[in-house]
Amino acid sequence: MSDGSTSADLVTSLRALLAGLSPGDRLPTSRELTQRFRVGPGTVSRAIATLAAEGAVVTRPGSGTYVAHRSTRAGAEPPDLSWQAVALAGRDFDTANAAEAVQPLPEGGIAMAGGYLHESLQPTRALGAALARAARRPDAWHRAPTAGLAPLRAIFARLAGGGVTPDDVLVTGGGQSALSMLFRAVAAPGSPVLMESPTYPGALAAARAAGLRPVPVPMDDEGIRPDLLADAFAMTGARLLYCQPTFHNPTGTVLAPARRGQVVDVARAAGAFLIEDDFARHLGHSRQVPRALVADDRDGTVVHVTSLTKPASPSLRIGAVIARGPVMRRLQGMRFVDDFFVTRPLQEAAVELVSTPAWDRHLRELSAALRERCAVLSDALAREVPEWRLTRFPTGGLHLWVELPPGVQDSAMADAARAYGVAVNAGGRYFPAEPSGACLRLGFAAAADTAELVEGARRLGAAVRDGS
């Protein structure tokens, strides 16, 4: 082996050497390896470090390097883990519907599934700068307050509007974490929880994991129906309603102005809490976004959930719960049980991000980009699959909700789409009970650009034609 050989070459040679040794055997010394393979001491050190990181060898200072004990031998019987099925009995959890299986798209595949922005739409540079500034703070790694940093709570209070104060805000590790905590805090296992039909599958999974029973309440073009909501409260005795009044996922519906107060009044009359999932406040396709329900609530009926994750990055796991009264004290108590506090550097970075002009500029650019992508995909679908019915042209959010023709199964259509290199979401898992029909959720934010959206629609059309 020549002096110019890399440590990667040496790693390959050492792996061959290890194959002939047994666990616990001592490797030749570094000096012997440099002589045998004709490399420098630095190359040997890097190769050994690589093998140690892989768990193939163990280094003992002053003693040498040894072959690590292998956890399983080649051809050995796999461990019997069947005992766990018995140990887990009595605490059911529907792992199949908790989240769709994450299947990587083949090369050239187009993403129309999922609920996050493509990296080209994320404020990557602003995020990096915010995190760097946050890390330079002298108290960046100190323990954060249980309720969250005061500046961040003030930001969330201001975004909610109305009479919301920082004392009403509890910072959370994203919106999903907030929902999981709320469902466990507000309702006892076995209780019903009313939900729009269709609704967000992550909320369904969190509710079921908390032992709750989702009960569907139908929607129309103006959102959840107050009359049927009142009936559902009366029939079930529910004390909890989960809804998305603004840019509903998956349909994009906005609760009509006349109904917003009615829905809160119905919940209040039933002595129930209303969880307002406001995940899409920053995802409007224009600057006109309806006022949050919590802004006009004075009785503590509305518990508001929001997040910075959707408009920024999947890894900015920063959200908030806004609540008043005993329910907030209960949530603060659960924080001590769950995780004590949200990591301070990420909170500091969130404050840095949303306090700069770059954030407002990003939101304006994101709004324009989402509006364009929504229009492009809608037009392309009308050309390529005219038999699919777009339920509405949304004014916010990341998705289109389409109804399939009679006789077409959503799961089969999603499988056919993937075979043509397009990932879409089958609609069945968005319903708390039996689906009202076969639907697909098509995202326009995860693709690289509008050209991919047009190509994705073309492939969907080909899948429909070839399958008919």
Protein backbone atom coordinates (compact mmCIF):
# COMPACT_ATOMS: atom_id res chain seq x y z
CA MET A 1 0.00 0.00 0.00
CA SER A 2 1.57 3.28 -1.09
CA ASP A 3 2.12 6.35 1.06
CA GLY A 4 -0.64 8.10 -0.90
CA SER A 5 -3.31 5.61 0.11
CA THR A 6 -6.24 7.04 2.10
CA SER A 7 -7.55 5.99 5.47
CA ALA A 8 -10.63 4.63 3.64
CA ASP A 9 -8.37 2.15 1.84
CA LEU A 10 -6.84 1.14 5.14
CA VAL A 11 -10.28 0.70 6.73
CA THR A 12 -11.15 -1.77 3.95
CA SER A 13 -7.94 -3.70 4.56
CA LEU A 14 -8.48 -3.75 8.31
CA ARG A 15 -12.02 -5.07 7.90
CA ALA A 16 -10.54 -8.01 5.98
CA LEU A 17 -8.07 -8.50 8.80
CA LEU A 18 -10.85 -8.42 11.41
CA ALA A 19 -12.79 -11.11 9.54
CA GLY A 20 -10.04 -13.60 10.41
CA LEU A 21 -9.89 -12.69 14.09
CA SER A 22 -12.13 -13.54 17.03
CA PRO A 23 -13.80 -11.16 19.50
CA GLY A 24 -11.26 -10.06 22.10
CA ASP A 25 -8.25 -10.65 19.85
CA ARG A 26 -5.68 -7.87 19.89
CA LEU A 27 -4.89 -6.05 16.65
CA PRO A 28 -1.31 -5.36 15.64
CA THR A 29 0.14 -2.20 17.12
CA SER A 30 -0.05 1.10 15.25
CA ARG A 31 3.65 0.79 14.43
CA GLU A 32 3.13 -2.68 13.01
CA LEU A 33 0.18 -1.45 10.93
CA THR A 34 2.15 1.47 9.51
CA GLN A 35 4.90 -0.92 8.46
CA ARG A 36 2.61 -3.63 7.10
CA PHE A 37 0.41 -1.31 5.04
CA ARG A 38 3.07 1.37 4.38
CA VAL A 39 0.97 4.29 5.61
CA GLY A 40 1.55 7.12 8.04
CA PRO A 41 0.61 7.08 11.75
CA GLY A 42 -2.17 9.63 11.13
CA THR A 43 -3.79 7.37 8.54
CA VAL A 44 -3.74 4.48 11.00
CA SER A 45 -5.30 6.61 13.75
CA ARG A 46 -8.13 7.76 11.47
CA ALA A 47 -8.84 4.21 10.29
CA ILE A 48 -8.95 2.85 13.85
CA ALA A 49 -11.26 5.71 14.89
CA THR A 50 -13.62 4.83 12.02
CA LEU A 51 -13.75 1.17 13.02
CA ALA A 52 -14.28 2.10 16.67
CA ALA A 53 -17.21 4.36 15.70
CA GLU A 54 -18.73 1.43 13.81
CA GLY A 55 -18.38 -0.78 16.90
CA ALA A 56 -15.99 -3.15 15.15
CA VAL A 57 -13.07 -2.55 17.51
CA VAL A 58 -12.50 -1.32 21.05
CA THR A 59 -9.48 0.79 21.95
CA ARG A 60 -7.99 0.56 25.44
CA PRO A 61 -5.44 3.30 26.21
CA GLY A 62 -2.11 1.83 27.22
CA SER A 63 -3.18 -1.66 26.16
CA GLY A 64 -4.06 -1.62 22.47
CA THR A 65 -6.95 -2.16 20.07
CA TYR A 66 -9.15 -5.26 20.27
CA VAL A 67 -11.83 -6.91 18.15
CA ALA A 68 -15.23 -5.97 19.60
CA HIS A 69 -17.67 -8.65 20.70
CA ARG A 70 -20.27 -9.14 18.01
CA SER A 71 -23.90 -8.88 19.14
CA THR A 72 -25.05 -11.71 16.86
CA ARG A 73 -23.16 -14.31 14.90
CA ALA A 74 -23.73 -14.80 11.21
CA GLY A 75 -26.51 -17.32 10.75
CA ALA A 76 -27.60 -17.17 14.39
CA GLU A 77 -31.28 -17.42 15.21
CA PRO A 78 -32.96 -14.02 15.59
CA PRO A 79 -34.02 -13.15 19.14
CA ASP A 80 -37.54 -14.15 20.19
CA LEU A 81 -39.40 -10.93 21.00
CA SER A 82 -42.89 -12.42 20.97
CA TRP A 83 -43.16 -12.04 24.76
CA GLN A 84 -43.71 -8.31 24.22
CA ALA A 85 -47.16 -8.89 22.72
CA VAL A 86 -48.31 -10.25 26.08
CA ALA A 87 -46.59 -7.54 28.10
CA LEU A 88 -48.20 -4.79 26.00
CA ALA A 89 -51.72 -6.23 26.26
CA GLY A 90 -54.36 -3.89 27.62
CA ARG A 91 -52.91 -0.68 26.20
CA ASP A 92 -53.95 -0.62 22.57
CA PHE A 93 -52.22 1.71 20.15
CA ASP A 94 -52.97 1.77 16.44
CA THR A 95 -49.46 2.00 15.04
CA ALA A 96 -50.71 1.43 11.49
CA ASN A 97 -52.65 4.71 11.48
CA ALA A 98 -50.30 6.76 13.67
CA ALA A 99 -48.40 7.86 10.59
CA GLU A 100 -48.09 6.70 7.04
CA ALA A 101 -45.07 4.55 6.39
CA VAL A 102 -42.15 6.67 5.33
CA GLN A 103 -41.17 5.18 1.99
CA PRO A 104 -38.37 6.94 0.16
CA LEU A 105 -39.28 7.94 -3.34
CA PRO A 106 -37.27 6.36 -6.11
CA GLU A 107 -34.86 8.54 -8.01
CA GLY A 108 -36.87 11.02 -10.04
CA GLY A 109 -39.91 10.67 -7.79
CA ILE A 110 -42.17 13.64 -7.06
CA ALA A 111 -43.42 14.39 -3.56
CA MET A 112 -47.09 15.36 -3.28
CA ALA A 113 -47.43 13.76 0.16
CA GLY A 114 -46.46 15.00 3.59
CA GLY A 115 -46.98 18.32 5.28
CA TYR A 116 -43.68 20.23 5.17
CA LEU A 117 -42.08 22.76 2.88
CA HIS A 118 -39.49 21.82 0.31
CA GLU A 119 -36.07 23.06 1.39
CA SER A 120 -36.18 25.69 -1.36
CA LEU A 121 -39.15 27.28 0.46
CA GLN A 122 -37.56 27.19 3.90
CA PRO A 123 -35.73 30.25 5.31
CA THR A 124 -32.54 28.22 5.60
CA ARG A 125 -30.14 31.15 5.69
CA ALA A 126 -32.21 33.06 8.24
CA LEU A 127 -32.53 29.92 10.38
CA GLY A 128 -28.78 29.36 10.34
CA ALA A 129 -28.08 32.96 11.27
CA ALA A 130 -30.67 32.87 14.07
CA LEU A 131 -29.21 29.69 15.52
CA ALA A 132 -25.69 31.11 15.37
CA ARG A 133 -26.75 34.28 17.18
CA ALA A 134 -28.64 32.25 19.78
CA ALA A 135 -25.61 30.04 20.44
CA ARG A 136 -23.49 33.09 21.21
CA ARG A 137 -25.72 34.17 24.06
CA PRO A 138 -23.95 33.72 27.41
CA ASP A 139 -27.00 31.94 28.86
CA ALA A 140 -27.78 29.87 25.74
CA TRP A 141 -27.37 26.56 27.57
CA HIS A 142 -28.99 27.57 30.85
CA ARG A 143 -32.19 25.88 31.94
CA ALA A 144 -35.23 27.43 30.30
CA PRO A 145 -38.33 28.43 32.28
CA THR A 146 -41.00 25.74 32.39
CA ALA A 147 -43.51 27.89 30.51
CA GLY A 148 -40.92 29.04 27.96
CA LEU A 149 -38.76 32.10 27.40
CA ALA A 150 -40.61 35.32 28.17
CA PRO A 151 -39.79 36.98 24.80
CA LEU A 152 -41.05 33.92 22.91
CA ARG A 153 -44.26 33.78 24.94
CA ALA A 154 -44.81 37.44 24.21
CA ILE A 155 -44.41 36.78 20.49
CA PHE A 156 -47.00 33.99 20.54
CA ALA A 157 -49.39 36.16 22.58
CA ARG A 158 -49.08 38.97 20.08
CA LEU A 159 -49.70 36.60 17.14
CA ALA A 160 -52.89 35.30 18.77
CA GLY A 161 -54.22 38.81 19.33
CA GLY A 162 -57.15 39.93 21.44
CA GLY A 163 -56.56 39.92 25.16
CA VAL A 164 -54.02 37.08 25.15
CA THR A 165 -51.05 37.78 27.43
CA PRO A 166 -47.66 36.03 27.79
CA ASP A 167 -48.94 34.45 31.01
CA ASP A 168 -51.51 32.56 28.90
CA VAL A 169 -48.76 30.92 26.78
CA LEU A 170 -46.94 27.62 27.31
CA VAL A 171 -44.13 26.96 24.81
CA THR A 172 -44.11 23.40 23.45
CA GLY A 173 -41.88 21.23 21.31
CA GLY A 174 -44.02 21.76 18.20
CA GLY A 175 -47.73 21.41 17.51
CA GLN A 176 -47.89 17.60 17.62
CA SER A 177 -46.36 17.54 21.08
CA ALA A 178 -48.93 20.10 22.21
CA LEU A 179 -51.83 18.00 20.89
CA SER A 180 -50.55 14.86 22.59
CA MET A 181 -50.28 16.70 25.90
CA LEU A 182 -53.70 18.31 25.55
CA PHE A 183 -55.57 15.12 24.77
CA ARG A 184 -54.04 13.50 27.86
CA ALA A 185 -54.66 16.54 30.05
CA VAL A 186 -58.22 17.51 29.17
CA ALA A 187 -60.15 14.25 28.81
CA ALA A 188 -60.08 10.94 30.67
CA PRO A 189 -59.33 7.69 28.79
CA GLY A 190 -62.48 6.31 27.23
CA SER A 191 -64.04 9.76 26.76
CA PRO A 192 -65.37 10.95 23.39
CA VAL A 193 -63.66 13.75 21.50
CA LEU A 194 -65.54 15.49 18.69
CA MET A 195 -63.61 16.09 15.48
CA GLU A 196 -64.32 17.49 12.05
CA SER A 197 -64.71 14.84 9.39
CA PRO A 198 -62.26 14.64 7.69
CA THR A 199 -59.48 15.82 9.98
CA TYR A 200 -55.74 15.75 10.64
CA PRO A 201 -54.51 12.12 11.09
CA GLY A 202 -51.89 13.20 13.62
CA ALA A 203 -54.68 14.48 15.87
CA LEU A 204 -56.60 11.23 15.44
CA ALA A 205 -53.50 9.24 16.38
CA ALA A 206 -52.77 11.42 19.41
CA ALA A 207 -56.37 11.19 20.63
CA ARG A 208 -56.47 7.43 20.27
CA ALA A 209 -53.09 7.07 21.96
CA ALA A 210 -54.59 8.98 24.91
CA GLY A 211 -57.43 6.48 25.04
CA LEU A 212 -60.06 8.84 23.61
CA ARG A 213 -62.85 7.93 21.17
CA PRO A 214 -62.94 10.23 18.11
CA VAL A 215 -66.49 11.10 17.05
CA PRO A 216 -66.98 12.65 13.59
CA VAL A 217 -68.89 15.88 13.02
CA PRO A 218 -69.64 16.59 9.33
CA MET A 219 -68.39 19.65 7.47
CA ASP A 220 -69.63 21.55 4.46
CA ASP A 221 -68.12 24.34 2.36
CA GLU A 222 -68.28 26.72 5.34
CA GLY A 223 -66.61 24.40 7.83
CA ILE A 224 -67.92 22.33 10.71
CA ARG A 225 -71.72 22.47 11.02
CA PRO A 226 -72.85 24.08 14.30
CA ASP A 227 -76.22 22.32 14.25
CA LEU A 228 -74.69 18.85 13.98
CA LEU A 229 -72.02 19.86 16.47
CA ALA A 230 -74.72 20.63 19.04
CA ASP A 231 -76.35 17.28 18.33
CA ALA A 232 -73.02 15.48 18.77
CA PHE A 233 -72.40 17.13 22.15
CA ALA A 234 -75.90 16.20 23.29
CA MET A 235 -75.71 12.59 22.12
CA THR A 236 -72.19 11.79 23.35
CA GLY A 237 -71.78 13.99 26.42
CA ALA A 238 -68.37 14.99 25.05
CA ARG A 239 -66.42 17.69 26.84
CA LEU A 240 -63.84 18.23 24.11
CA LEU A 241 -63.90 19.43 20.50
CA TYR A 242 -60.84 19.46 18.24
CA CYS A 243 -61.07 21.61 15.12
CA GLN A 244 -58.99 23.54 12.58
CA PRO A 245 -60.94 26.71 11.78
CA THR A 246 -58.32 28.26 9.52
CA PHE A 247 -57.00 26.47 6.39
CA HIS A 248 -58.23 23.09 7.59
CA ASN A 249 -56.08 20.05 6.89
CA PRO A 250 -56.83 18.28 4.57
CA THR A 251 -59.60 20.27 2.86
CA GLY A 252 -58.28 23.85 3.14
CA THR A 253 -61.68 25.02 4.42
CA VAL A 254 -61.92 28.24 6.45
CA LEU A 255 -64.68 28.32 9.04
CA ALA A 256 -67.20 30.94 7.86
CA PRO A 257 -67.28 34.24 9.82
CA ALA A 258 -70.89 33.66 10.92
CA ARG A 259 -70.03 30.24 12.30
CA ARG A 260 -66.89 31.10 14.24
CA GLY A 261 -68.73 32.53 17.19
CA GLN A 262 -71.47 29.91 16.92
CA VAL A 263 -69.03 27.02 17.25
CA VAL A 264 -67.46 28.53 20.37
CA ASP A 265 -70.92 29.20 21.82
CA VAL A 266 -72.00 25.59 21.23
CA ALA A 267 -68.89 24.29 22.97
CA ARG A 268 -69.36 26.71 25.86
CA ALA A 269 -73.00 25.69 26.28
CA ALA A 270 -71.92 22.06 26.49
CA GLY A 271 -69.35 22.88 29.16
CA ALA A 272 -66.65 21.68 26.79
CA PHE A 273 -63.20 22.77 25.74
CA LEU A 274 -62.50 23.65 22.10
CA ILE A 275 -58.97 22.89 20.90
CA GLU A 276 -58.23 25.34 18.10
CA ASP A 277 -55.41 23.93 15.96
CA ASP A 278 -54.03 27.04 14.26
CA PHE A 279 -51.09 25.32 12.56
CA ALA A 280 -51.57 27.18 9.25
CA ARG A 281 -51.76 30.82 10.41
CA HIS A 282 -48.55 31.61 8.50
CA LEU A 283 -49.54 29.58 5.43
CA GLY A 284 -52.13 31.92 3.94
CA HIS A 285 -51.89 32.62 0.23
CA SER A 286 -52.58 36.28 0.94
CA ARG A 287 -52.06 38.52 3.94
CA GLN A 288 -55.72 38.22 4.95
CA VAL A 289 -55.99 35.52 7.61
CA PRO A 290 -59.05 35.19 9.87
CA ARG A 291 -58.74 36.23 13.49
CA ALA A 292 -58.00 33.34 15.85
CA LEU A 293 -60.95 32.03 17.87
CA VAL A 294 -58.99 32.43 21.08
CA ALA A 295 -58.66 36.17 20.50
CA ASP A 296 -62.38 36.67 21.22
CA ASP A 297 -62.74 34.04 23.95
CA ARG A 298 -63.07 35.39 27.49
CA ASP A 299 -64.31 32.27 29.29
CA GLY A 300 -61.39 29.88 28.74
CA THR A 301 -63.41 27.71 26.36
CA VAL A 302 -60.81 27.88 23.57
CA VAL A 303 -57.42 26.22 23.99
CA HIS A 304 -55.25 27.45 21.15
CA VAL A 305 -52.41 25.45 19.54
CA THR A 306 -49.95 27.03 17.14
CA SER A 307 -46.49 26.32 15.77
CA LEU A 308 -43.55 27.81 13.87
CA THR A 309 -42.66 24.46 12.32
CA LYS A 310 -44.84 24.54 9.22
CA PRO A 311 -43.76 27.95 7.86
CA ALA A 312 -40.09 27.48 8.77
CA SER A 313 -38.59 23.98 8.91
CA PRO A 314 -39.53 20.48 10.11
CA SER A 315 -36.71 20.70 12.64
CA LEU A 316 -37.81 23.98 14.22
CA ARG A 317 -39.91 22.12 16.76
CA ILE A 318 -41.30 25.17 18.51
CA GLY A 319 -45.00 25.66 19.19
CA ALA A 320 -47.29 26.98 21.89
CA VAL A 321 -50.50 26.31 23.78
CA ILE A 322 -52.62 29.28 24.83
CA ALA A 323 -55.02 28.55 27.68
CA ARG A 324 -56.49 30.16 30.79
CA GLY A 325 -57.50 28.87 34.19
CA PRO A 326 -57.07 25.41 35.73
CA VAL A 327 -56.37 23.78 32.38
CA MET A 328 -53.19 25.85 32.01
CA ARG A 329 -52.08 24.88 35.50
CA ARG A 330 -52.66 21.24 34.63
CA LEU A 331 -50.60 21.61 31.45
CA GLN A 332 -47.78 23.22 33.35
CA GLY A 333 -47.86 20.31 35.78
CA MET A 334 -47.70 17.83 32.90
CA ARG A 335 -44.66 19.64 31.56
CA PHE A 336 -42.78 18.56 34.69
CA VAL A 337 -43.85 14.98 34.03
CA ASP A 338 -43.06 14.97 30.32
CA ASP A 339 -39.89 16.94 29.69
CA PHE A 340 -39.44 19.80 32.22
CA PHE A 341 -38.93 22.44 29.49
CA VAL A 342 -38.26 22.93 25.79
CA THR A 343 -34.58 23.13 24.89
CA ARG A 344 -33.39 26.69 25.37
CA PRO A 345 -31.11 27.10 22.29
CA LEU A 346 -34.02 26.28 19.99
CA GLN A 347 -36.28 28.74 21.81
CA GLU A 348 -33.59 31.42 21.57
CA ALA A 349 -33.20 30.69 17.86
CA ALA A 350 -36.97 31.03 17.36
CA VAL A 351 -36.92 34.43 19.06
CA GLU A 352 -34.01 35.53 16.88
CA LEU A 353 -35.74 34.28 13.72
CA VAL A 354 -39.16 35.88 14.12
CA SER A 355 -37.76 39.16 15.47
CA THR A 356 -35.90 40.07 12.28
CA PRO A 357 -37.07 41.65 9.01
CA ALA A 358 -35.94 38.43 7.30
CA TRP A 359 -38.90 36.59 8.86
CA ASP A 360 -41.50 39.01 7.50
CA ARG A 361 -39.80 38.88 4.11
CA HIS A 362 -39.84 35.09 4.20
CA LEU A 363 -43.56 35.00 5.00
CA ARG A 364 -44.35 37.34 2.10
CA GLU A 365 -42.30 35.24 -0.30
CA LEU A 366 -43.78 32.01 1.04
CA SER A 367 -47.31 33.33 0.61
CA ALA A 368 -46.65 34.20 -3.03
CA ALA A 369 -44.94 30.87 -3.71
CA LEU A 370 -47.76 28.82 -2.18
CA ARG A 371 -50.38 30.81 -4.10
CA GLU A 372 -48.53 30.14 -7.38
CA ARG A 373 -47.98 26.46 -6.66
CA CYS A 374 -51.62 25.97 -5.70
CA ALA A 375 -52.80 27.52 -8.95
CA VAL A 376 -50.32 25.59 -11.08
CA LEU A 377 -51.24 22.23 -9.61
CA SER A 378 -54.98 22.96 -9.79
CA ASP A 379 -54.72 23.86 -13.48
CA ALA A 380 -52.55 20.84 -14.24
CA LEU A 381 -54.98 18.46 -12.54
CA ALA A 382 -57.90 19.95 -14.46
CA ARG A 383 -56.05 19.13 -17.69
CA GLU A 384 -54.65 15.72 -16.81
CA VAL A 385 -57.37 14.18 -14.60
CA PRO A 386 -60.60 16.10 -15.34
CA GLU A 387 -62.65 13.30 -13.77
CA TRP A 388 -61.20 14.15 -10.34
CA ARG A 389 -63.16 16.82 -8.48
CA LEU A 390 -61.28 19.51 -6.61
CA THR A 391 -63.48 20.17 -3.58
CA ARG A 392 -62.35 23.80 -3.31
CA PHE A 393 -59.59 26.14 -4.38
CA PRO A 394 -57.93 26.86 -1.02
CA THR A 395 -56.77 30.30 0.06
CA GLY A 396 -54.18 28.89 2.43
CA GLY A 397 -52.41 25.74 3.51
CA LEU A 398 -50.26 23.24 1.65
CA HIS A 399 -52.74 20.83 0.05
CA LEU A 400 -55.54 20.16 -2.39
CA TRP A 401 -58.34 17.76 -1.47
CA VAL A 402 -59.80 15.88 -4.43
CA GLU A 403 -62.71 13.46 -4.69
CA LEU A 404 -62.23 10.42 -6.89
CA PRO A 405 -64.88 9.05 -9.26
CA PRO A 406 -67.27 6.34 -8.02
CA GLY A 407 -65.69 2.91 -7.94
CA VAL A 408 -62.12 4.15 -7.49
CA GLN A 409 -60.40 3.26 -4.22
CA ASP A 410 -58.13 5.88 -2.75
CA SER A 411 -55.53 3.38 -1.51
CA ALA A 412 -55.37 1.71 -4.92
CA MET A 413 -54.99 5.10 -6.60
CA ALA A 414 -52.21 6.08 -4.19
CA ASP A 415 -50.38 2.82 -4.96
CA ALA A 416 -50.78 3.39 -8.69
CA ALA A 417 -49.45 6.93 -8.33
CA ARG A 418 -46.37 5.69 -6.49
CA ALA A 419 -45.75 3.17 -9.26
CA TYR A 420 -45.56 6.17 -11.60
CA GLY A 421 -43.17 7.98 -9.28
CA VAL A 422 -45.61 10.28 -7.45
CA ALA A 423 -46.29 10.13 -3.71
CA VAL A 424 -49.81 11.19 -2.66
CA ASN A 425 -51.85 10.70 0.52
CA ALA A 426 -54.83 8.32 0.43
CA GLY A 427 -57.81 10.02 2.03
CA GLY A 428 -59.21 7.19 4.15
CA ARG A 429 -56.96 7.82 7.15
CA TYR A 430 -58.23 11.41 7.47
CA PHE A 431 -61.67 10.31 8.66
CA PRO A 432 -62.53 9.59 12.32
CA ALA A 433 -65.02 6.94 11.16
CA GLU A 434 -66.24 5.66 7.79
CA PRO A 435 -65.09 7.90 4.90
CA SER A 436 -67.75 9.83 3.06
CA GLY A 437 -66.06 8.92 -0.23
CA ALA A 438 -62.74 8.15 -1.87
CA CYS A 439 -60.39 11.13 -1.71
CA LEU A 440 -56.74 12.04 -2.13
CA ARG A 441 -54.70 14.77 -0.48
CA LEU A 442 -52.24 16.31 -2.92
CA GLY A 443 -49.52 18.56 -1.56
CA PHE A 444 -48.02 21.39 -3.57
CA ALA A 445 -45.30 22.50 -1.10
CA ALA A 446 -43.03 19.45 -0.91
CA ALA A 447 -42.12 19.35 -4.61
CA ALA A 448 -38.97 21.11 -5.80
CA ASP A 449 -40.76 23.60 -8.07
CA THR A 450 -43.82 24.19 -10.23
CA ALA A 451 -42.32 22.18 -13.08
CA GLU A 452 -42.33 19.12 -10.84
CA LEU A 453 -45.97 19.75 -9.97
CA VAL A 454 -46.90 19.85 -13.65
CA GLU A 455 -44.95 16.66 -14.30
CA GLY A 456 -46.55 15.04 -11.27
CA ALA A 457 -50.03 15.81 -12.60
CA ARG A 458 -49.04 14.37 -15.96
CA ARG A 459 -47.91 11.14 -14.29
CA LEU A 460 -51.14 10.95 -12.32
CA GLY A 461 -53.07 11.27 -15.55
CA ALA A 462 -51.00 8.47 -17.07
CA ALA A 463 -51.66 6.28 -14.04
CA VAL A 464 -55.41 6.85 -14.38
CA ARG A 465 -55.47 6.17 -18.11
CA ASP A 466 -53.28 3.06 -17.91
CA GLY A 467 -55.36 1.67 -15.07
CA SER A 468 -58.74 2.20 -16.70
